[in-house]
Amino acid sequence: MTVQTKLIIFLGVQLSGKTTLAKIIAQETGIPFINLDKIRKKLFGPVLSAPKDWTNQEKEAIENQKTAQAYDKLFETIKNSAGHNVPLIVEMPSLTKKWHVGTMEDRLKQIAESYSVKLKIIWCQITNDNELEIKKRSDERLKDTQAAPIRPEDYYMFKARYARCGGKPALEHLAVDTSQPQEVCLTQIHKYLDE
């Protein structure tokens, strides 16, 4: 029996736990891991504040351009991995500015079909909007010098933005409530990946 190469995608808004779970699954399976934040950092260096004399429109235009380039590089990496039958775990936000989740899903589906890889999407979410959990995750992220700071109000903003685009992935996926114990989440993910 031939084992089909897997393309495993972790989606979710910031603070949803997607990066943590993706890294654990990558470590447990030995599958290479890549995420949008690392690509952005590699392309553009650390996140820096824009000059104070820039307008919000100028800041947004530069951020949009950087994000578009990072997504293009991410999808180039995904395509290359699929083309060489190398499994890959990818973590990316559900929605970033103008990069609508449907567009990302269309690109993922096209790559999976073109290279006959099995697409597995894991949608991470905090289903009950547990304020204490969101605050805890925000505080942990503030301590991480490698990650951009995300405040609880940012989480709600990203979640509302994503809801306007449908609120969940359109393609078949596993929804994981990351407010559950981590072991429960990992068991659900492993079961889904084994299907």
Protein backbone atom coordinates (compact mmCIF):
# COMPACT_ATOMS: atom_id res chain seq x y z
CA MET A 1 0.00 0.00 0.00
CA THR A 2 1.34 3.44 -0.96
CA VAL A 3 1.32 6.06 1.78
CA GLN A 4 0.18 9.39 0.43
CA THR A 5 2.32 12.43 1.29
CA LYS A 6 0.54 14.75 3.70
CA LEU A 7 0.29 18.51 3.68
CA ILE A 8 -0.84 19.44 7.20
CA ILE A 9 -2.12 22.97 7.68
CA PHE A 10 -2.75 24.58 11.07
CA LEU A 11 -5.10 27.57 10.80
CA GLY A 12 -6.49 29.88 13.45
CA VAL A 13 -6.48 33.43 14.67
CA GLN A 14 -3.60 34.72 16.77
CA LEU A 15 -3.52 33.22 20.30
CA SER A 16 -5.54 30.18 19.16
CA GLY A 17 -2.70 27.77 19.97
CA LYS A 18 -1.98 26.76 16.39
CA THR A 19 1.78 27.38 16.55
CA THR A 20 2.21 25.42 19.77
CA LEU A 21 0.26 22.41 18.47
CA ALA A 22 1.92 22.51 15.04
CA LYS A 23 5.39 22.49 16.61
CA ILE A 24 4.50 19.56 18.88
CA ILE A 25 3.06 17.53 15.99
CA ALA A 26 6.16 18.32 13.90
CA GLN A 27 8.42 17.17 16.73
CA GLU A 28 6.40 13.99 17.33
CA THR A 29 6.17 13.02 13.65
CA GLY A 30 9.50 14.31 12.36
CA ILE A 31 7.68 16.18 9.59
CA PRO A 32 9.30 19.52 8.65
CA PHE A 33 7.53 22.61 10.01
CA ILE A 34 7.23 26.07 8.47
CA ASN A 35 5.20 29.12 9.36
CA LEU A 36 4.41 32.49 7.88
CA ASP A 37 6.04 34.43 10.74
CA LYS A 38 9.42 32.75 10.18
CA ILE A 39 9.27 33.46 6.46
CA ARG A 40 8.39 37.10 7.11
CA LYS A 41 11.27 37.41 9.56
CA LYS A 42 13.68 35.78 7.12
CA LEU A 43 12.59 38.07 4.30
CA PHE A 44 12.34 41.32 6.23
CA GLY A 45 14.14 40.88 9.56
CA PRO A 46 12.57 41.50 12.97
CA VAL A 47 9.31 43.39 13.28
CA LEU A 48 10.15 47.05 13.70
CA SER A 49 7.94 50.03 14.35
CA ALA A 50 7.35 52.24 11.33
CA PRO A 51 8.78 55.75 11.41
CA LYS A 52 6.54 58.08 13.41
CA ASP A 53 6.01 60.42 10.46
CA TRP A 54 4.40 57.68 8.34
CA THR A 55 0.63 57.78 7.93
CA ASN A 56 -1.50 54.76 8.79
CA GLN A 57 -2.09 54.27 5.06
CA GLU A 58 1.66 54.15 4.40
CA LYS A 59 2.18 51.67 7.23
CA GLU A 60 -0.67 49.48 5.99
CA ALA A 61 0.59 49.57 2.39
CA ILE A 62 4.06 48.42 3.45
CA GLU A 63 2.63 45.70 5.72
CA ASN A 64 0.33 44.48 2.94
CA GLN A 65 3.26 44.29 0.54
CA LYS A 66 5.40 42.37 3.05
CA THR A 67 2.55 40.00 3.86
CA ALA A 68 1.87 39.31 0.17
CA GLN A 69 5.55 38.52 -0.43
CA ALA A 70 5.67 36.26 2.64
CA TYR A 71 2.57 34.34 1.50
CA ASP A 72 4.02 33.94 -1.99
CA LYS A 73 7.22 32.51 -0.50
CA LEU A 74 5.20 30.25 1.82
CA PHE A 75 3.18 28.83 -1.07
CA GLU A 76 6.33 28.42 -3.15
CA THR A 77 7.78 26.33 -0.30
CA ILE A 78 4.57 24.29 0.01
CA LYS A 79 4.54 23.64 -3.75
CA ASN A 80 8.21 22.62 -3.73
CA SER A 81 7.64 20.23 -0.83
CA ALA A 82 4.60 18.67 -2.50
CA GLY A 83 6.46 18.39 -5.80
CA HIS A 84 9.20 16.37 -4.10
CA ASN A 85 6.75 14.20 -2.10
CA VAL A 86 8.02 15.63 1.18
CA PRO A 87 5.37 15.93 3.90
CA LEU A 88 5.08 19.36 5.46
CA ILE A 89 3.41 20.99 8.45
CA VAL A 90 2.41 24.59 7.82
CA GLU A 91 1.11 27.10 10.35
CA MET A 92 -0.47 30.35 9.26
CA PRO A 93 -3.15 32.74 10.44
CA SER A 94 -6.68 32.21 9.23
CA LEU A 95 -6.87 35.72 7.95
CA THR A 96 -4.33 38.48 7.54
CA LYS A 97 -5.49 41.81 6.14
CA LYS A 98 -6.65 41.25 2.57
CA TRP A 99 -5.53 37.63 2.24
CA HIS A 100 -8.96 36.04 2.52
CA VAL A 101 -8.97 32.48 3.81
CA GLY A 102 -10.84 31.27 0.70
CA THR A 103 -7.95 32.36 -1.49
CA MET A 104 -5.46 30.51 0.70
CA GLU A 105 -7.66 27.43 0.70
CA ASP A 106 -8.02 27.57 -3.08
CA ARG A 107 -4.23 27.68 -3.41
CA LEU A 108 -3.80 24.80 -0.95
CA LYS A 109 -6.44 22.69 -2.69
CA GLN A 110 -4.85 23.32 -6.09
CA ILE A 111 -1.41 22.27 -4.83
CA ALA A 112 -2.81 19.15 -3.14
CA GLU A 113 -4.66 18.12 -6.30
CA SER A 114 -1.77 18.92 -8.66
CA TYR A 115 0.74 16.86 -6.68
CA SER A 116 -1.63 14.20 -5.29
CA VAL A 117 -0.86 15.02 -1.67
CA LYS A 118 -3.33 14.52 1.14
CA LEU A 119 -4.46 17.88 2.53
CA LYS A 120 -5.25 17.91 6.25
CA ILE A 121 -6.50 21.18 7.75
CA ILE A 122 -6.60 21.68 11.50
CA TRP A 123 -8.58 24.71 12.61
CA CYS A 124 -7.53 25.84 16.08
CA GLN A 125 -9.93 27.95 18.09
CA ILE A 126 -10.89 28.94 21.62
CA THR A 127 -14.58 28.13 21.31
CA ASN A 128 -15.83 29.65 24.53
CA ASP A 129 -13.72 32.85 24.36
CA ASN A 130 -12.38 32.08 27.82
CA GLU A 131 -11.07 35.50 28.84
CA LEU A 132 -8.62 34.10 31.40
CA GLU A 133 -7.12 31.74 28.80
CA ILE A 134 -6.84 34.52 26.22
CA LYS A 135 -5.16 36.82 28.76
CA LYS A 136 -2.77 34.02 29.81
CA ARG A 137 -1.77 33.34 26.20
CA SER A 138 -1.34 37.05 25.53
CA ASP A 139 0.93 37.42 28.58
CA GLU A 140 3.01 34.41 27.46
CA ARG A 141 3.36 35.88 23.99
CA LEU A 142 4.50 39.22 25.39
CA LYS A 143 7.40 37.38 27.08
CA ASP A 144 8.41 35.71 23.79
CA THR A 145 10.95 37.95 22.08
CA GLN A 146 10.54 35.99 18.81
CA ALA A 147 6.80 36.65 18.47
CA ALA A 148 4.90 39.82 17.74
CA PRO A 149 2.93 40.93 20.81
CA ILE A 150 -0.79 40.19 20.68
CA ARG A 151 -3.11 41.73 23.26
CA PRO A 152 -6.50 40.23 24.19
CA GLU A 153 -8.27 43.00 22.25
CA ASP A 154 -6.21 42.03 19.17
CA TYR A 155 -7.52 38.46 19.50
CA TYR A 156 -11.12 39.69 19.42
CA MET A 157 -10.39 41.99 16.47
CA PHE A 158 -8.82 39.14 14.45
CA LYS A 159 -11.66 36.81 15.38
CA ALA A 160 -14.28 39.36 14.25
CA ARG A 161 -12.41 39.94 11.00
CA TYR A 162 -12.28 36.20 10.35
CA ALA A 163 -16.00 35.84 11.15
CA ARG A 164 -16.79 38.32 8.38
CA CYS A 165 -15.09 35.93 5.94
CA GLY A 166 -17.14 32.91 6.94
CA GLY A 167 -15.72 32.15 10.37
CA LYS A 168 -14.26 28.73 9.56
CA PRO A 169 -12.36 26.97 6.78
CA ALA A 170 -14.49 26.09 3.77
CA LEU A 171 -12.55 22.90 3.05
CA GLU A 172 -12.84 19.71 5.09
CA HIS A 173 -11.07 20.22 8.40
CA LEU A 174 -10.77 19.21 12.02
CA ALA A 175 -11.93 21.87 14.48
CA VAL A 176 -9.93 21.74 17.71
CA ASP A 177 -11.00 23.64 20.81
CA THR A 178 -7.61 24.61 22.20
CA SER A 179 -9.05 25.61 25.57
CA GLN A 180 -9.15 21.85 26.27
CA PRO A 181 -6.10 20.21 27.85
CA GLN A 182 -3.25 19.96 25.35
CA GLU A 183 -3.24 16.14 25.54
CA VAL A 184 -6.88 16.05 24.41
CA CYS A 185 -6.11 18.34 21.46
CA LEU A 186 -3.11 16.24 20.43
CA THR A 187 -5.12 13.00 20.62
CA GLN A 188 -7.80 14.50 18.35
CA ILE A 189 -5.17 15.73 15.88
CA HIS A 190 -3.31 12.41 15.71
CA LYS A 191 -6.58 10.54 15.14
CA TYR A 192 -7.49 12.94 12.31
CA LEU A 193 -4.04 12.65 10.72
CA ASP A 194 -4.27 8.84 10.78
CA GLU A 195 -7.55 8.83 8.82
